[in-house]
């Protein structure tokens, strides 16, 4: 039973963070990251979608 609880806890830790921004904002952020102006952290979204 303890093994199953540990597995469940590990599965709960998987979180997909998404970001929603305009195409221009996503592009500006990406270029800022490449230039080193912004440091990407573990809490930052990994997937970005365009807003309408």
N, C-alpha and C. Protein backbone atom coordinates (compact mmCIF):
# COMPACT_ATOMS: atom_id res chain seq x y z
N UNK A 1 0.82 -1.19 0.00
CA UNK A 1 0.00 0.00 0.00
C UNK A 1 0.87 1.26 0.00
N UNK A 2 1.97 1.25 0.76
CA UNK A 2 2.85 2.40 0.80
C UNK A 2 3.44 2.67 -0.58
N UNK A 3 3.79 1.63 -1.30
CA UNK A 3 4.35 1.78 -2.64
C UNK A 3 3.36 2.49 -3.55
N UNK A 4 2.10 2.12 -3.48
CA UNK A 4 1.09 2.75 -4.32
C UNK A 4 0.92 4.22 -3.96
N UNK A 5 0.99 4.54 -2.69
CA UNK A 5 0.88 5.93 -2.28
C UNK A 5 2.06 6.74 -2.80
N UNK A 6 3.25 6.17 -2.76
CA UNK A 6 4.42 6.88 -3.27
C UNK A 6 4.30 7.13 -4.77
N UNK A 7 3.80 6.14 -5.50
CA UNK A 7 3.60 6.31 -6.94
C UNK A 7 2.56 7.38 -7.21
N UNK A 8 1.49 7.38 -6.43
CA UNK A 8 0.45 8.38 -6.63
C UNK A 8 0.99 9.77 -6.35
N UNK A 9 1.83 9.91 -5.33
CA UNK A 9 2.40 11.20 -5.02
C UNK A 9 3.30 11.68 -6.15
N UNK A 10 4.07 10.78 -6.74
CA UNK A 10 4.94 11.16 -7.84
C UNK A 10 4.12 11.59 -9.05
N UNK A 11 3.01 10.92 -9.31
CA UNK A 11 2.16 11.28 -10.44
C UNK A 11 1.49 12.62 -10.22
N UNK A 12 1.17 12.96 -8.97
CA UNK A 12 0.54 14.24 -8.68
C UNK A 12 1.50 15.41 -8.91
N UNK A 13 2.78 15.16 -8.90
CA UNK A 13 3.76 16.21 -9.07
C UNK A 13 3.91 16.65 -10.51
N UNK A 14 3.35 15.94 -11.43
CA UNK A 14 3.48 16.28 -12.84
C UNK A 14 2.45 17.35 -13.19
N UNK A 15 2.95 18.55 -13.45
CA UNK A 15 2.08 19.68 -13.75
C UNK A 15 2.56 20.28 -15.06
N UNK A 16 1.64 20.50 -15.97
CA UNK A 16 1.97 21.16 -17.23
C UNK A 16 1.53 22.61 -17.11
N UNK A 17 2.50 23.49 -17.12
CA UNK A 17 2.19 24.92 -17.03
C UNK A 17 2.13 25.47 -18.45
N UNK A 18 1.06 26.20 -18.74
CA UNK A 18 0.90 26.78 -20.06
C UNK A 18 0.84 28.29 -19.94
N UNK A 19 1.26 28.96 -20.99
CA UNK A 19 1.19 30.40 -21.05
C UNK A 19 0.31 30.82 -22.22
N UNK A 20 -0.41 31.91 -22.04
CA UNK A 20 -1.28 32.44 -23.09
C UNK A 20 -0.90 33.90 -23.29
N UNK A 21 -0.50 34.23 -24.50
CA UNK A 21 -0.07 35.60 -24.81
C UNK A 21 -0.23 35.81 -26.31
N UNK A 22 -0.12 37.06 -26.71
CA UNK A 22 -0.19 37.35 -28.15
C UNK A 22 1.09 36.84 -28.81
N UNK A 23 1.03 36.70 -30.11
CA UNK A 23 2.19 36.22 -30.87
C UNK A 23 3.39 37.13 -30.65
N UNK A 24 3.14 38.42 -30.62
CA UNK A 24 4.22 39.39 -30.44
C UNK A 24 4.84 39.27 -29.05
N UNK A 25 4.01 39.05 -28.03
CA UNK A 25 4.53 38.91 -26.66
C UNK A 25 5.36 37.63 -26.51
N UNK A 26 4.89 36.56 -27.13
CA UNK A 26 5.64 35.30 -27.08
C UNK A 26 6.98 35.46 -27.78
N UNK A 27 6.97 36.11 -28.93
CA UNK A 27 8.20 36.32 -29.68
C UNK A 27 9.16 37.22 -28.90
N UNK A 28 8.65 38.28 -28.30
CA UNK A 28 9.50 39.19 -27.53
C UNK A 28 10.11 38.47 -26.33
N UNK A 29 9.33 37.65 -25.65
CA UNK A 29 9.83 36.90 -24.50
C UNK A 29 10.89 35.89 -24.92
N UNK A 30 10.63 35.19 -26.02
CA UNK A 30 11.59 34.21 -26.51
C UNK A 30 12.92 34.87 -26.85
N UNK A 31 12.87 36.00 -27.53
CA UNK A 31 14.11 36.71 -27.87
C UNK A 31 14.83 37.23 -26.63
N UNK A 32 14.08 37.67 -25.63
CA UNK A 32 14.68 38.14 -24.38
C UNK A 32 15.38 36.99 -23.66
N UNK A 33 14.80 35.81 -23.70
CA UNK A 33 15.43 34.64 -23.09
C UNK A 33 16.73 34.31 -23.82
N UNK A 34 16.69 34.35 -25.14
CA UNK A 34 17.88 34.03 -25.93
C UNK A 34 18.99 35.05 -25.67
N UNK A 35 18.63 36.32 -25.53
CA UNK A 35 19.62 37.36 -25.25
C UNK A 35 20.13 37.31 -23.81
N UNK A 36 19.46 36.55 -22.96
CA UNK A 36 19.88 36.44 -21.56
C UNK A 36 19.28 37.48 -20.65
N UNK A 37 18.32 38.24 -21.15
CA UNK A 37 17.67 39.28 -20.35
C UNK A 37 16.70 38.68 -19.33
N UNK A 38 16.15 37.52 -19.65
CA UNK A 38 15.21 36.82 -18.78
C UNK A 38 15.76 35.43 -18.51
N UNK A 39 15.76 35.03 -17.25
CA UNK A 39 16.17 33.68 -16.87
C UNK A 39 14.91 32.82 -16.75
N UNK A 40 14.90 31.69 -17.40
CA UNK A 40 13.77 30.77 -17.33
C UNK A 40 13.87 29.97 -16.04
N UNK A 41 12.78 29.93 -15.29
CA UNK A 41 12.75 29.18 -14.04
C UNK A 41 11.88 27.94 -14.21
N UNK A 42 11.89 27.08 -13.23
CA UNK A 42 11.08 25.85 -13.28
C UNK A 42 9.59 26.16 -13.24
N UNK A 43 9.22 27.33 -12.72
CA UNK A 43 7.81 27.69 -12.62
C UNK A 43 7.27 28.33 -13.89
N UNK A 44 8.14 28.64 -14.84
CA UNK A 44 7.68 29.27 -16.08
C UNK A 44 6.92 28.27 -16.94
N UNK A 45 5.97 28.75 -17.74
CA UNK A 45 5.25 27.85 -18.64
C UNK A 45 6.19 27.18 -19.63
N UNK A 46 5.91 25.92 -19.93
CA UNK A 46 6.70 25.18 -20.91
C UNK A 46 6.04 25.21 -22.30
N UNK A 47 4.74 25.44 -22.31
CA UNK A 47 3.97 25.46 -23.54
C UNK A 47 3.26 26.81 -23.62
N UNK A 48 3.31 27.43 -24.79
CA UNK A 48 2.68 28.74 -24.98
C UNK A 48 1.63 28.63 -26.10
N UNK A 49 0.51 29.31 -25.91
CA UNK A 49 -0.55 29.39 -26.91
C UNK A 49 -0.81 30.85 -27.22
N UNK A 50 -1.19 31.10 -28.48
CA UNK A 50 -1.55 32.46 -28.89
C UNK A 50 -2.92 32.82 -28.35
N UNK A 51 -3.04 34.08 -27.89
CA UNK A 51 -4.36 34.58 -27.50
C UNK A 51 -5.02 35.17 -28.74
N UNK A 52 -6.28 35.31 -28.67
CA UNK A 52 -7.02 35.81 -29.83
C UNK A 52 -7.20 37.30 -29.73
